[in-house]
Amino acid sequence: MAAQSRAFQLSVCMLSPKPNQKAVSNHERALLCERRSHIETEQQQILMVQETVRYSESIVEAVQTLVNEGTFEHKSEFYRFATELLLDSLREDYNPEMLNYDTLAETTHQQLGEFMSEQSAGSGSMFYESAIIIRRHARRGEIDAAEEYIETHYPSERGEYLLLEALLDYYHDTEAE
């Protein structure tokens, strides 16, 4: 019965390999559990693989809000874009394949810029939060982590950088006594 169930899962979950693809064993197919389809574009033929990924309810709701606002046409477009954006950020040799990637990247960068300027123009909460993080690291003796945070969040020529460095020195000196 288990063998029949496994065979049924394979037949439901998998499509047979395309003629120009390397043969994959049933065991590998069962592990991957993916569907393949081809999408033709003007420039190239792209092999599309669908994998099942689980997200928390809060993430799905936040993505649905972006879809409802019209930033993305559907949730799968968001997930695809997020993956392409992360790969593009992490790997120099990666070239995004998504058709409207550049348009979405420009739109989301504009929205992020507007959000960040609203946050910094408001109550200075970003700097205040940074000060709390620096204090927390310093009190725990995590001086390297605090320095890394300052260096990755503020350019060295900005006043915030100098103030956070002074705050770190203060807490580091206080804890050393």
Protein backbone atom coordinates (compact mmCIF):
# COMPACT_ATOMS: atom_id res chain seq x y z
CA MET A 1 0.00 0.00 0.00
CA ALA A 2 2.85 2.37 0.84
CA ALA A 3 4.44 1.75 -2.56
CA GLN A 4 1.16 2.55 -4.32
CA SER A 5 0.76 5.71 -2.26
CA ARG A 6 4.33 6.79 -3.08
CA ALA A 7 3.80 6.11 -6.78
CA PHE A 8 0.57 8.12 -6.66
CA GLN A 9 2.37 11.01 -4.96
CA LEU A 10 5.02 10.99 -7.65
CA SER A 11 2.49 10.97 -10.44
CA VAL A 12 0.48 13.78 -8.86
CA CYS A 13 3.43 15.86 -7.72
CA MET A 14 5.74 15.53 -10.71
CA LEU A 15 5.55 16.03 -14.41
CA SER A 16 7.80 13.85 -16.53
CA PRO A 17 11.17 15.32 -17.50
CA LYS A 18 11.43 17.21 -20.77
CA PRO A 19 13.34 15.53 -23.63
CA ASN A 20 16.47 17.70 -23.30
CA GLN A 21 16.73 17.34 -19.50
CA LYS A 22 18.90 14.88 -17.63
CA ALA A 23 17.06 11.85 -16.26
CA VAL A 24 16.12 12.05 -12.59
CA SER A 25 15.45 9.02 -10.44
CA ASN A 26 12.07 8.55 -8.79
CA HIS A 27 13.73 9.00 -5.42
CA GLU A 28 15.15 12.39 -6.48
CA ARG A 29 11.76 13.39 -7.85
CA ALA A 30 10.08 12.49 -4.59
CA LEU A 31 12.62 14.56 -2.67
CA LEU A 32 12.27 17.56 -4.93
CA CYS A 33 8.51 17.35 -5.46
CA GLU A 34 8.51 20.06 -8.09
CA ARG A 35 6.62 20.83 -11.27
CA ARG A 36 8.38 22.08 -14.36
CA SER A 37 7.05 24.24 -17.13
CA HIS A 38 8.65 26.22 -19.92
CA ILE A 39 8.07 29.90 -20.51
CA GLU A 40 9.10 31.38 -23.81
CA THR A 41 10.38 34.96 -23.85
CA GLU A 42 11.64 37.00 -26.74
CA GLN A 43 15.26 36.49 -25.65
CA GLN A 44 15.35 32.98 -24.24
CA GLN A 45 13.54 29.92 -23.06
CA ILE A 46 13.48 29.72 -19.24
CA LEU A 47 12.88 26.56 -17.27
CA MET A 48 10.48 27.44 -14.45
CA VAL A 49 10.45 25.26 -11.33
CA GLN A 50 7.68 25.43 -8.77
CA GLU A 51 8.57 24.52 -5.21
CA THR A 52 6.33 24.55 -2.19
CA VAL A 53 7.48 27.04 0.43
CA ARG A 54 5.64 27.74 3.67
CA TYR A 55 5.35 31.26 5.13
CA SER A 56 3.92 32.51 8.40
CA GLU A 57 0.45 33.98 8.31
CA SER A 58 1.77 37.47 9.09
CA ILE A 59 4.08 37.39 6.05
CA VAL A 60 1.29 36.23 3.75
CA GLU A 61 -1.00 38.99 5.08
CA ALA A 62 1.68 41.65 4.56
CA VAL A 63 2.26 40.44 1.00
CA GLN A 64 -1.48 40.41 0.33
CA THR A 65 -1.63 44.04 1.50
CA LEU A 66 1.00 44.96 -1.11
CA VAL A 67 -1.01 43.14 -3.75
CA ASN A 68 -4.20 44.94 -2.68
CA GLU A 69 -2.37 48.29 -2.86
CA GLY A 70 -1.33 47.47 -6.43
CA THR A 71 2.43 47.32 -5.88
CA PHE A 72 2.39 43.72 -7.17
CA GLU A 73 -0.16 42.00 -9.40
CA HIS A 74 -0.26 38.81 -7.31
CA LYS A 75 1.53 37.17 -4.40
CA SER A 76 3.69 34.94 -6.57
CA GLU A 77 5.05 38.02 -8.33
CA PHE A 78 6.12 39.41 -4.93
CA TYR A 79 7.80 36.17 -3.87
CA ARG A 80 9.60 35.90 -7.20
CA PHE A 81 10.72 39.52 -7.06
CA ALA A 82 11.93 39.19 -3.46
CA THR A 83 14.04 36.18 -4.42
CA GLU A 84 15.47 37.89 -7.51
CA LEU A 85 16.26 41.05 -5.51
CA LEU A 86 18.06 39.13 -2.79
CA LEU A 87 20.08 37.08 -5.28
CA ASP A 88 20.94 40.24 -7.21
CA SER A 89 22.13 41.86 -3.96
CA LEU A 90 24.19 38.89 -2.77
CA ARG A 91 25.80 37.66 -5.99
CA GLU A 92 27.66 39.92 -8.38
CA ASP A 93 27.35 37.40 -11.21
CA TYR A 94 23.55 37.02 -10.88
CA ASN A 95 21.40 38.53 -13.62
CA PRO A 96 17.67 38.74 -12.74
CA GLU A 97 15.44 36.82 -15.16
CA MET A 98 12.08 38.29 -14.14
CA LEU A 99 10.51 40.20 -17.04
CA ASN A 100 9.57 43.39 -15.17
CA TYR A 101 12.31 43.21 -12.53
CA ASP A 102 13.79 46.65 -13.25
CA THR A 103 10.40 48.37 -13.03
CA LEU A 104 9.52 46.67 -9.75
CA ALA A 105 12.98 47.37 -8.32
CA GLU A 106 12.66 51.05 -9.14
CA THR A 107 9.15 51.25 -7.65
CA THR A 108 10.07 49.46 -4.43
CA HIS A 109 13.28 51.49 -4.00
CA GLN A 110 11.24 54.70 -4.34
CA GLN A 111 8.73 53.46 -1.76
CA LEU A 112 11.54 52.44 0.60
CA GLY A 113 13.21 55.83 0.19
CA GLU A 114 9.95 57.64 0.94
CA PHE A 115 9.39 55.46 4.01
CA MET A 116 12.92 56.04 5.32
CA SER A 117 12.70 59.82 4.84
CA GLU A 118 9.34 59.87 6.66
CA GLN A 119 10.87 57.90 9.52
CA SER A 120 13.93 60.12 9.84
CA ALA A 121 11.93 63.34 9.45
CA GLY A 122 9.45 62.25 12.11
CA SER A 123 11.00 61.90 15.54
CA GLY A 124 14.50 60.73 14.75
CA SER A 125 13.33 57.28 15.79
CA MET A 126 15.90 55.49 13.64
CA PHE A 127 18.77 57.18 15.47
CA TYR A 128 17.06 56.65 18.82
CA GLU A 129 16.65 52.95 18.04
CA SER A 130 20.30 52.77 17.01
CA ALA A 131 21.33 54.33 20.32
CA ILE A 132 19.33 51.68 22.18
CA ILE A 133 20.99 48.91 20.18
CA ILE A 134 24.47 50.35 20.82
CA ARG A 135 23.74 50.66 24.55
CA ARG A 136 22.48 47.08 24.68
CA HIS A 137 25.58 45.73 22.93
CA ALA A 138 27.89 47.79 25.16
CA ARG A 139 26.19 46.66 28.37
CA ARG A 140 26.61 43.04 27.28
CA GLY A 141 30.28 43.60 26.48
CA GLU A 142 29.65 43.11 22.74
CA ILE A 143 31.85 45.99 21.64
CA ASP A 144 32.72 44.49 18.24
CA ALA A 145 29.04 43.96 17.44
CA ALA A 146 28.25 47.56 18.41
CA GLU A 147 31.08 48.93 16.26
CA GLU A 148 29.98 46.79 13.33
CA TYR A 149 26.40 48.06 13.71
CA ILE A 150 27.54 51.69 13.66
CA GLU A 151 29.80 51.15 10.64
CA THR A 152 27.11 49.36 8.62
CA HIS A 153 24.31 51.83 9.38
CA TYR A 154 26.01 55.25 9.28
CA PRO A 155 28.73 56.81 7.11
CA SER A 156 31.75 57.85 9.20
CA GLU A 157 31.40 61.51 8.20
CA ARG A 158 27.88 61.85 9.66
CA GLY A 159 27.21 63.27 13.09
CA GLU A 160 25.14 60.24 14.09
CA TYR A 161 28.20 58.05 13.60
CA LEU A 162 30.27 60.20 15.95
CA LEU A 163 27.52 60.38 18.58
CA LEU A 164 27.02 56.63 18.58
CA GLU A 165 30.78 56.07 18.84
CA ALA A 166 30.86 58.45 21.83
CA LEU A 167 27.92 56.61 23.39
CA LEU A 168 29.70 53.30 22.90
CA ASP A 169 32.88 54.70 24.48
CA TYR A 170 30.88 56.01 27.44
CA TYR A 171 29.19 52.67 28.15
CA HIS A 172 32.38 50.72 27.50
CA ASP A 173 34.33 52.90 29.94
CA THR A 174 31.52 52.72 32.54
CA GLU A 175 31.36 48.92 32.35
CA ALA A 176 35.15 48.62 32.59
CA GLU A 177 35.21 50.38 35.99
